Amino acid sequence: MRRNFLKSGAPLLLDLYPGATSGLSLRYLKSSFVGNEVVLLQRTSNNDEDGFTPNQITNGSAVSFCGAGGGLIKTLFDQTGNNKNGFQVASTNQPSLVEGGVLNLLNGKPNMKFNSSDYLAIDIATIATYYIFNVLEINPATLSTIMYGSSTNSTDFYWAAQDGSTLTSRLSNCVQNNLFIDGVSSTPATRGAQYLLTDSQAIHTADINFSFSASDDFTIGYIVGSGTRSYKTQEVIIYPTSQSANRVAIETNQANYYGITL
């Protein structure tokens, strides 16, 4: 049973900048987060499940549980208190945290790795405007790699990134209002340009009007996939209102923790 577990120390990101719809991360984001486990892992060898705290992810406990077969993310718990978890019941579509007995790391911090058609679904409105902060890397991507989508409709997608692509169909059924990469305003015109902005660890901040399928769940990752795709993310925070006044402060918090230069 998950339980209250008060985090000590300085105020955390969601303490300082509340109001998010969903806060998903492999670190603690809120001092009053209900439950100490941030992730529920499924062991690939026999489908056993267990929950892990950020400390247990990095101190070897998660790797020991998963073993050489690796471990997949079944649930990434929402830390806002809204119960808007990232979830995936199908093991064939679960992103990985441990591969071959080794913890996935990006710049020294744990990351979730989405390959092919891996995705996490979130039970939030898919026709809505969200202000989203995402710490990620898309590399390699010889085929288009999608950041966000919906749970059944392949025509719903945001941020199609593909190495060398000149295609201008970068998104579908959504409108990007503002985009910042590592704090810098950006206006990429092609899938290839988007790839170059995120082919190394970056903070991707965007204000997006989504008009995805109303009956679907919102997804991190994409329901259709094959070939060489690798989308790594460490933290996704979704706000229902503009965070333009807090954007720099939130990005600075993420940059300081993940070792990113703004």
C-alpha atoms as a PDB file:
ATOM      1  CA  MET A   1       0.000   0.000   0.000  1.00  0.00           C
ATOM      2  CA  ARG A   2       1.315   3.435  -0.939  1.00  0.00           C
ATOM      3  CA  ARG A   3       1.415   5.869   1.981  1.00  0.00           C
ATOM      4  CA  ASN A   4       2.103   9.462   2.946  1.00  0.00           C
ATOM      5  CA  PHE A   5       5.823  10.114   2.981  1.00  0.00           C
ATOM      6  CA  LEU A   6       6.895  13.674   3.795  1.00  0.00           C
ATOM      7  CA  LYS A   7       9.988  14.687   1.862  1.00  0.00           C
ATOM      8  CA  SER A   8      12.477  16.751   3.825  1.00  0.00           C
ATOM      9  CA  GLY A   9      14.648  19.657   2.710  1.00  0.00           C
ATOM     10  CA  ALA A  10      13.992  22.737   0.607  1.00  0.00           C
ATOM     11  CA  PRO A  11      10.666  23.254  -1.209  1.00  0.00           C
ATOM     12  CA  LEU A  12      10.443  21.159  -4.375  1.00  0.00           C
ATOM     13  CA  LEU A  13       9.414  22.240  -7.872  1.00  0.00           C
ATOM     14  CA  LEU A  14       5.667  21.657  -7.465  1.00  0.00           C
ATOM     15  CA  ASP A  15       5.728  23.293  -4.029  1.00  0.00           C
ATOM     16  CA  LEU A  16       7.134  26.429  -5.622  1.00  0.00           C
ATOM     17  CA  TYR A  17       5.031  26.322  -8.805  1.00  0.00           C
ATOM     18  CA  PRO A  18       1.739  24.534  -8.015  1.00  0.00           C
ATOM     19  CA  GLY A  19      -1.320  24.049 -10.179  1.00  0.00           C
ATOM     20  CA  ALA A  20      -0.058  21.349 -12.545  1.00  0.00           C
ATOM     21  CA  THR A  21      -2.520  18.826 -13.961  1.00  0.00           C
ATOM     22  CA  SER A  22       0.064  16.027 -13.891  1.00  0.00           C
ATOM     23  CA  GLY A  23       3.645  15.854 -12.621  1.00  0.00           C
ATOM     24  CA  LEU A  24       5.605  12.791 -13.724  1.00  0.00           C
ATOM     25  CA  SER A  25       9.249  12.357 -12.798  1.00  0.00           C
ATOM     26  CA  LEU A  26      11.875   9.950 -11.505  1.00  0.00           C
ATOM     27  CA  ARG A  27      12.745  12.497  -8.799  1.00  0.00           C
ATOM     28  CA  TYR A  28      10.486  13.958  -6.118  1.00  0.00           C
ATOM     29  CA  LEU A  29       8.576  17.047  -7.272  1.00  0.00           C
ATOM     30  CA  LYS A  30       6.360  17.761  -4.252  1.00  0.00           C
ATOM     31  CA  SER A  31       7.151  17.502  -0.550  1.00  0.00           C
ATOM     32  CA  SER A  32       3.625  16.326   0.355  1.00  0.00           C
ATOM     33  CA  PHE A  33       3.436  13.722  -2.419  1.00  0.00           C
ATOM     34  CA  VAL A  34       1.160  10.895  -1.258  1.00  0.00           C
ATOM     35  CA  GLY A  35       3.164   7.697  -1.457  1.00  0.00           C
ATOM     36  CA  ASN A  36       6.902   7.248  -1.592  1.00  0.00           C
ATOM     37  CA  GLU A  37       7.167   5.242  -4.796  1.00  0.00           C
ATOM     38  CA  VAL A  38       7.416   7.300  -7.978  1.00  0.00           C
ATOM     39  CA  VAL A  39       7.413   4.310 -10.329  1.00  0.00           C
ATOM     40  CA  LEU A  40       5.973   0.787 -10.548  1.00  0.00           C
ATOM     41  CA  LEU A  41       8.305  -1.537 -12.425  1.00  0.00           C
ATOM     42  CA  GLN A  42       7.481  -4.819 -14.106  1.00  0.00           C
ATOM     43  CA  ARG A  43      10.323  -7.321 -14.313  1.00  0.00           C
ATOM     44  CA  THR A  44      10.662  -8.672 -17.844  1.00  0.00           C
ATOM     45  CA  SER A  45      11.746 -12.151 -16.745  1.00  0.00           C
ATOM     46  CA  ASN A  46       8.565 -13.114 -14.874  1.00  0.00           C
ATOM     47  CA  ASN A  47       6.268 -10.064 -14.794  1.00  0.00           C
ATOM     48  CA  ASP A  48       6.709  -9.491 -11.028  1.00  0.00           C
ATOM     49  CA  GLU A  49       5.951  -5.909  -9.992  1.00  0.00           C
ATOM     50  CA  ASP A  50       7.273  -3.569  -7.308  1.00  0.00           C
ATOM     51  CA  GLY A  51       7.338   0.154  -6.564  1.00  0.00           C
ATOM     52  CA  PHE A  52      10.481   2.235  -6.112  1.00  0.00           C
ATOM     53  CA  THR A  53      11.439   5.583  -4.638  1.00  0.00           C
ATOM     54  CA  PRO A  54      13.925   7.913  -6.370  1.00  0.00           C
ATOM     55  CA  ASN A  55      16.624   6.732  -3.944  1.00  0.00           C
ATOM     56  CA  GLN A  56      15.834   3.078  -4.638  1.00  0.00           C
ATOM     57  CA  ILE A  57      16.071   3.750  -8.356  1.00  0.00           C
ATOM     58  CA  THR A  58      19.629   5.065  -8.024  1.00  0.00           C
ATOM     59  CA  ASN A  59      21.022   2.969  -5.136  1.00  0.00           C
ATOM     60  CA  GLY A  60      20.836  -0.336  -7.007  1.00  0.00           C
ATOM     61  CA  SER A  61      17.551  -1.649  -5.561  1.00  0.00           C
ATOM     62  CA  ALA A  62      15.616  -1.276  -8.812  1.00  0.00           C
ATOM     63  CA  VAL A  63      18.411  -2.837 -10.854  1.00  0.00           C
ATOM     64  CA  SER A  64      18.686  -5.718  -8.386  1.00  0.00           C
ATOM     65  CA  PHE A  65      14.938  -6.353  -8.617  1.00  0.00           C
ATOM     66  CA  CYS A  66      14.889  -6.211 -12.418  1.00  0.00           C
ATOM     67  CA  GLY A  67      17.982  -8.337 -12.971  1.00  0.00           C
ATOM     68  CA  ALA A  68      19.699  -8.926 -16.284  1.00  0.00           C
ATOM     69  CA  GLY A  69      16.365  -9.186 -18.101  1.00  0.00           C
ATOM     70  CA  GLY A  70      15.600  -5.554 -17.384  1.00  0.00           C
ATOM     71  CA  GLY A  71      12.605  -3.648 -16.060  1.00  0.00           C
ATOM     72  CA  LEU A  72       9.712  -1.842 -17.704  1.00  0.00           C
ATOM     73  CA  ILE A  73       7.580   1.023 -16.427  1.00  0.00           C
ATOM     74  CA  LYS A  74       3.979  -0.005 -15.769  1.00  0.00           C
ATOM     75  CA  THR A  75       3.013   3.140 -13.830  1.00  0.00           C
ATOM     76  CA  LEU A  76       4.700   6.493 -13.322  1.00  0.00           C
ATOM     77  CA  PHE A  77       2.849   8.100 -10.440  1.00  0.00           C
ATOM     78  CA  ASP A  78       1.474  11.623 -10.694  1.00  0.00           C
ATOM     79  CA  GLN A  79       2.905  13.756  -7.890  1.00  0.00           C
ATOM     80  CA  THR A  80       0.341  16.587  -8.059  1.00  0.00           C
ATOM     81  CA  GLY A  81      -2.327  14.747  -6.071  1.00  0.00           C
ATOM     82  CA  ASN A  82      -4.650  14.619  -9.110  1.00  0.00           C
ATOM     83  CA  ASN A  83      -4.039  10.911  -9.725  1.00  0.00           C
ATOM     84  CA  LYS A  84      -3.175  11.568 -13.377  1.00  0.00           C
ATOM     85  CA  ASN A  85      -0.600   8.796 -13.585  1.00  0.00           C
ATOM     86  CA  GLY A  86       1.263   7.671 -16.671  1.00  0.00           C
ATOM     87  CA  PHE A  87       0.323   4.017 -17.178  1.00  0.00           C
ATOM     88  CA  GLN A  88       0.791   1.153 -19.623  1.00  0.00           C
ATOM     89  CA  VAL A  89      -0.614  -2.322 -18.960  1.00  0.00           C
ATOM     90  CA  ALA A  90       0.761  -3.958 -22.119  1.00  0.00           C
ATOM     91  CA  SER A  91       4.340  -5.059 -21.525  1.00  0.00           C
ATOM     92  CA  THR A  92       5.074  -4.857 -25.253  1.00  0.00           C
ATOM     93  CA  ASN A  93       4.426  -1.090 -25.111  1.00  0.00           C
ATOM     94  CA  GLN A  94       6.042  -0.223 -21.782  1.00  0.00           C
ATOM     95  CA  PRO A  95       9.065   2.100 -21.748  1.00  0.00           C
ATOM     96  CA  SER A  96      12.184   0.759 -20.050  1.00  0.00           C
ATOM     97  CA  LEU A  97      14.042   1.974 -16.974  1.00  0.00           C
ATOM     98  CA  VAL A  98      16.535  -0.910 -16.694  1.00  0.00           C
ATOM     99  CA  GLU A  99      18.036  -2.651 -19.718  1.00  0.00           C
ATOM    100  CA  GLY A 100      20.386  -5.631 -19.537  1.00  0.00           C
ATOM    101  CA  GLY A 101      20.860  -5.167 -15.804  1.00  0.00           C
ATOM    102  CA  VAL A 102      21.890  -1.510 -16.239  1.00  0.00           C
ATOM    103  CA  LEU A 103      19.922   1.566 -15.174  1.00  0.00           C
ATOM    104  CA  ASN A 104      19.111   3.920 -18.042  1.00  0.00           C
ATOM    105  CA  LEU A 105      20.976   7.178 -17.425  1.00  0.00           C
ATOM    106  CA  LEU A 106      21.012  10.515 -19.229  1.00  0.00           C
ATOM    107  CA  ASN A 107      23.685  12.943 -18.045  1.00  0.00           C
ATOM    108  CA  GLY A 108      24.004  10.893 -14.860  1.00  0.00           C
ATOM    109  CA  LYS A 109      20.295  10.877 -13.951  1.00  0.00           C
ATOM    110  CA  PRO A 110      17.738   8.094 -14.544  1.00  0.00           C
ATOM    111  CA  ASN A 111      15.601   8.231 -17.661  1.00  0.00           C
ATOM    112  CA  MET A 112      12.684   6.393 -19.239  1.00  0.00           C
ATOM    113  CA  LYS A 113      13.397   5.056 -22.715  1.00  0.00           C
ATOM    114  CA  PHE A 114      10.604   4.774 -25.287  1.00  0.00           C
ATOM    115  CA  ASN A 115      11.348   2.556 -28.286  1.00  0.00           C
ATOM    116  CA  SER A 116       9.158   1.907 -31.324  1.00  0.00           C
ATOM    117  CA  SER A 117       5.501   2.004 -30.140  1.00  0.00           C
ATOM    118  CA  ASP A 118       6.167   2.402 -26.401  1.00  0.00           C
ATOM    119  CA  TYR A 119       3.966   4.942 -24.647  1.00  0.00           C
ATOM    120  CA  LEU A 120       2.457   5.939 -21.309  1.00  0.00           C
ATOM    121  CA  ALA A 121      -1.203   6.988 -21.279  1.00  0.00           C
ATOM    122  CA  ILE A 122      -2.548   9.749 -19.025  1.00  0.00           C
ATOM    123  CA  ASP A 123      -6.240  10.170 -18.269  1.00  0.00           C
ATOM    124  CA  ILE A 124      -6.471  13.889 -19.061  1.00  0.00           C
ATOM    125  CA  ALA A 125      -8.485  15.825 -21.630  1.00  0.00           C
ATOM    126  CA  THR A 126      -7.150  15.538 -25.164  1.00  0.00           C
ATOM    127  CA  ILE A 127      -8.982  18.638 -26.375  1.00  0.00           C
ATOM    128  CA  ALA A 128      -7.287  21.268 -24.251  1.00  0.00           C
ATOM    129  CA  THR A 129      -4.435  23.752 -24.039  1.00  0.00           C
ATOM    130  CA  TYR A 130      -1.453  22.646 -21.960  1.00  0.00           C
ATOM    131  CA  TYR A 131       1.817  24.267 -20.989  1.00  0.00           C
ATOM    132  CA  ILE A 132       4.278  21.361 -20.813  1.00  0.00           C
ATOM    133  CA  PHE A 133       7.840  21.111 -19.498  1.00  0.00           C
ATOM    134  CA  ASN A 134       9.720  18.012 -20.670  1.00  0.00           C
ATOM    135  CA  VAL A 135      13.355  17.033 -19.996  1.00  0.00           C
ATOM    136  CA  LEU A 136      14.228  14.749 -22.886  1.00  0.00           C
ATOM    137  CA  GLU A 137      16.499  13.503 -25.645  1.00  0.00           C
ATOM    138  CA  ILE A 138      15.465  12.073 -29.030  1.00  0.00           C
ATOM    139  CA  ASN A 139      18.436  10.180 -30.477  1.00  0.00           C
ATOM    140  CA  PRO A 140      18.743   8.200 -32.654  1.00  0.00           C
ATOM    141  CA  ALA A 141      15.688   8.743 -34.849  1.00  0.00           C
ATOM    142  CA  THR A 142      16.148   7.458 -38.386  1.00  0.00           C
ATOM    143  CA  LEU A 143      12.346   7.275 -38.523  1.00  0.00           C
ATOM    144  CA  SER A 144       9.963   9.882 -37.135  1.00  0.00           C
ATOM    145  CA  THR A 145       9.833   9.853 -33.341  1.00  0.00           C
ATOM    146  CA  ILE A 146       6.768  11.370 -31.680  1.00  0.00           C
ATOM    147  CA  MET A 147       6.726  13.172 -28.337  1.00  0.00           C
ATOM    148  CA  TYR A 148       2.976  13.249 -27.578  1.00  0.00           C
ATOM    149  CA  GLY A 149      -0.068  11.542 -29.084  1.00  0.00           C
ATOM    150  CA  SER A 150      -3.357   9.854 -28.229  1.00  0.00           C
ATOM    151  CA  SER A 151      -4.128   6.270 -27.281  1.00  0.00           C
ATOM    152  CA  THR A 152      -5.864   5.076 -30.476  1.00  0.00           C
ATOM    153  CA  ASN A 153      -5.580   7.695 -33.233  1.00  0.00           C
ATOM    154  CA  SER A 154      -2.344   7.645 -35.221  1.00  0.00           C
ATOM    155  CA  THR A 155      -3.155  11.029 -36.809  1.00  0.00           C
ATOM    156  CA  ASP A 156      -2.839  12.704 -33.391  1.00  0.00           C
ATOM    157  CA  PHE A 157       0.773  13.648 -32.839  1.00  0.00           C
ATOM    158  CA  TYR A 158       3.067  16.427 -31.661  1.00  0.00           C
ATOM    159  CA  TRP A 159       6.775  16.910 -32.405  1.00  0.00           C
ATOM    160  CA  ALA A 160       7.697  14.463 -35.121  1.00  0.00           C
ATOM    161  CA  ALA A 161      11.505  14.431 -35.099  1.00  0.00           C
ATOM    162  CA  GLN A 162      13.555  12.615 -37.732  1.00  0.00           C
ATOM    163  CA  ASP A 163      17.233  12.892 -38.527  1.00  0.00           C
ATOM    164  CA  GLY A 164      17.728  14.641 -41.881  1.00  0.00           C
ATOM    165  CA  SER A 165      14.026  14.877 -42.739  1.00  0.00           C
ATOM    166  CA  THR A 166      12.777  17.848 -44.777  1.00  0.00           C
ATOM    167  CA  LEU A 167       9.124  17.007 -44.128  1.00  0.00           C
ATOM    168  CA  THR A 168       7.154  19.958 -42.768  1.00  0.00           C
ATOM    169  CA  SER A 169       4.387  17.830 -41.202  1.00  0.00           C
ATOM    170  CA  ARG A 170       5.772  18.300 -37.708  1.00  0.00           C
ATOM    171  CA  LEU A 171       2.469  17.973 -35.825  1.00  0.00           C
ATOM    172  CA  SER A 172      -1.139  16.981 -36.443  1.00  0.00           C
ATOM    173  CA  ASN A 173      -4.423  17.925 -34.745  1.00  0.00           C
ATOM    174  CA  CYS A 174      -2.679  20.416 -32.506  1.00  0.00           C
ATOM    175  CA  VAL A 175      -1.266  23.950 -32.663  1.00  0.00           C
ATOM    176  CA  GLN A 176       1.990  25.004 -31.042  1.00  0.00           C
ATOM    177  CA  ASN A 177       1.719  28.550 -29.689  1.00  0.00           C
ATOM    178  CA  ASN A 178       5.139  28.990 -28.125  1.00  0.00           C
ATOM    179  CA  LEU A 179       8.252  26.811 -27.980  1.00  0.00           C
ATOM    180  CA  PHE A 180      11.428  27.128 -25.947  1.00  0.00           C
ATOM    181  CA  ILE A 181      14.421  24.789 -26.070  1.00  0.00           C
ATOM    182  CA  ASP A 182      16.734  25.277 -23.086  1.00  0.00           C
ATOM    183  CA  GLY A 183      15.062  28.614 -22.522  1.00  0.00           C
ATOM    184  CA  VAL A 184      15.527  29.890 -26.073  1.00  0.00           C
ATOM    185  CA  SER A 185      12.519  30.627 -28.301  1.00  0.00           C
ATOM    186  CA  SER A 186      12.545  28.282 -31.318  1.00  0.00           C
ATOM    187  CA  THR A 187      10.582  27.946 -34.573  1.00  0.00           C
ATOM    188  CA  PRO A 188      11.686  24.748 -36.366  1.00  0.00           C
ATOM    189  CA  ALA A 189      10.196  24.279 -39.834  1.00  0.00           C
ATOM    190  CA  THR A 190      10.920  20.598 -40.497  1.00  0.00           C
ATOM    191  CA  ARG A 191      11.121  17.242 -38.754  1.00  0.00           C
ATOM    192  CA  GLY A 192      14.875  17.356 -39.236  1.00  0.00           C
ATOM    193  CA  ALA A 193      15.119  20.753 -37.560  1.00  0.00           C
ATOM    194  CA  GLN A 194      13.112  19.432 -34.623  1.00  0.00           C
ATOM    195  CA  TYR A 195      15.466  16.467 -34.349  1.00  0.00           C
ATOM    196  CA  LEU A 196      18.507  18.751 -34.161  1.00  0.00           C
ATOM    197  CA  LEU A 197      16.921  20.708 -31.315  1.00  0.00           C
ATOM    198  CA  THR A 198      16.418  17.578 -29.195  1.00  0.00           C
ATOM    199  CA  ASP A 199      19.138  15.128 -30.295  1.00  0.00           C
ATOM    200  CA  SER A 200      20.915  15.800 -26.997  1.00  0.00           C
ATOM    201  CA  GLN A 201      19.455  16.330 -23.534  1.00  0.00           C
ATOM    202  CA  ALA A 202      17.238  19.418 -23.514  1.00  0.00           C
ATOM    203  CA  ILE A 203      14.398  21.146 -21.703  1.00  0.00           C
ATOM    204  CA  HIS A 204      11.490  21.331 -24.117  1.00  0.00           C
ATOM    205  CA  THR A 205       8.829  23.841 -23.042  1.00  0.00           C
ATOM    206  CA  ALA A 206       5.743  24.361 -25.162  1.00  0.00           C
ATOM    207  CA  ASP A 207       2.309  25.964 -25.039  1.00  0.00           C
ATOM    208  CA  ILE A 208       0.104  23.696 -27.178  1.00  0.00           C
ATOM    209  CA  ASN A 209      -3.565  23.638 -28.208  1.00  0.00           C
ATOM    210  CA  PHE A 210      -4.498  19.967 -28.561  1.00  0.00           C
ATOM    211  CA  SER A 211      -7.487  18.767 -30.598  1.00  0.00           C
ATOM    212  CA  PHE A 212      -6.813  15.054 -30.266  1.00  0.00           C
ATOM    213  CA  SER A 213      -9.516  12.357 -30.225  1.00  0.00           C
ATOM    214  CA  ALA A 214     -11.890  13.257 -27.396  1.00  0.00           C
ATOM    215  CA  SER A 215     -12.453   9.670 -26.233  1.00  0.00           C
ATOM    216  CA  ASP A 216      -8.731   8.850 -26.046  1.00  0.00           C
ATOM    217  CA  ASP A 217      -6.101   9.202 -23.359  1.00  0.00           C
ATOM    218  CA  PHE A 218      -3.236  11.635 -23.854  1.00  0.00           C
ATOM    219  CA  THR A 219       0.069   9.806 -24.399  1.00  0.00           C
ATOM    220  CA  ILE A 220       3.750  10.370 -23.835  1.00  0.00           C
ATOM    221  CA  GLY A 221       5.206   8.511 -26.791  1.00  0.00           C
ATOM    222  CA  TYR A 222       3.310   7.242 -29.801  1.00  0.00           C
ATOM    223  CA  ILE A 223       1.067   4.247 -30.503  1.00  0.00           C
ATOM    224  CA  VAL A 224       2.609   3.409 -33.883  1.00  0.00           C
ATOM    225  CA  GLY A 225       6.267   2.619 -34.319  1.00  0.00           C
ATOM    226  CA  SER A 226       8.982   0.517 -35.874  1.00  0.00           C
ATOM    227  CA  GLY A 227      12.604   0.931 -36.812  1.00  0.00           C
ATOM    228  CA  THR A 228      15.230   3.027 -35.060  1.00  0.00           C
ATOM    229  CA  ARG A 229      13.550   5.340 -32.592  1.00  0.00           C
ATOM    230  CA  SER A 230      14.757   6.322 -29.153  1.00  0.00           C
ATOM    231  CA  TYR A 231      12.871   8.879 -27.084  1.00  0.00           C
ATOM    232  CA  LYS A 232      14.274   9.346 -23.581  1.00  0.00           C
ATOM    233  CA  THR A 233      12.518  11.477 -21.000  1.00  0.00           C
ATOM    234  CA  GLN A 234      13.230  12.215 -17.367  1.00  0.00           C
ATOM    235  CA  GLU A 235      10.391  14.497 -16.361  1.00  0.00           C
ATOM    236  CA  VAL A 236       7.092  15.713 -17.823  1.00  0.00           C
ATOM    237  CA  ILE A 237       5.062  18.405 -16.038  1.00  0.00           C
ATOM    238  CA  ILE A 238       1.728  19.407 -17.563  1.00  0.00           C
ATOM    239  CA  TYR A 239       0.012  22.656 -16.572  1.00  0.00           C
ATOM    240  CA  PRO A 240      -3.546  23.602 -17.638  1.00  0.00           C
ATOM    241  CA  THR A 241      -2.759  27.324 -17.758  1.00  0.00           C
ATOM    242  CA  SER A 242       0.018  29.498 -19.119  1.00  0.00           C
ATOM    243  CA  GLN A 243       3.230  29.397 -17.107  1.00  0.00           C
ATOM    244  CA  SER A 244       4.900  32.231 -18.995  1.00  0.00           C
ATOM    245  CA  ALA A 245       5.447  34.111 -15.722  1.00  0.00           C
ATOM    246  CA  ASN A 246       7.082  31.043 -14.113  1.00  0.00           C
ATOM    247  CA  ARG A 247       8.723  29.546 -17.196  1.00  0.00           C
ATOM    248  CA  VAL A 248      12.270  30.714 -16.572  1.00  0.00           C
ATOM    249  CA  ALA A 249      12.151  29.710 -12.908  1.00  0.00           C
ATOM    250  CA  ILE A 250      10.779  26.225 -13.689  1.00  0.00           C
ATOM    251  CA  GLU A 251      13.347  25.691 -16.448  1.00  0.00           C
ATOM    252  CA  THR A 252      16.110  26.869 -14.105  1.00  0.00           C
ATOM    253  CA  ASN A 253      14.987  24.363 -11.472  1.00  0.00           C
ATOM    254  CA  GLN A 254      15.089  21.565 -14.054  1.00  0.00           C
ATOM    255  CA  ALA A 255      18.408  22.732 -15.492  1.00  0.00           C
ATOM    256  CA  ASN A 256      20.074  22.849 -12.099  1.00  0.00           C
ATOM    257  CA  TYR A 257      18.909  19.339 -11.207  1.00  0.00           C
ATOM    258  CA  TYR A 258      19.621  17.670 -14.545  1.00  0.00           C
ATOM    259  CA  GLY A 259      22.871  19.501 -15.314  1.00  0.00           C
ATOM    260  CA  ILE A 260      21.638  21.422 -18.349  1.00  0.00           C
ATOM    261  CA  THR A 261      23.036  24.783 -19.404  1.00  0.00           C
ATOM    262  CA  LEU A 262      20.451  27.422 -20.278  1.00  0.00           C
END
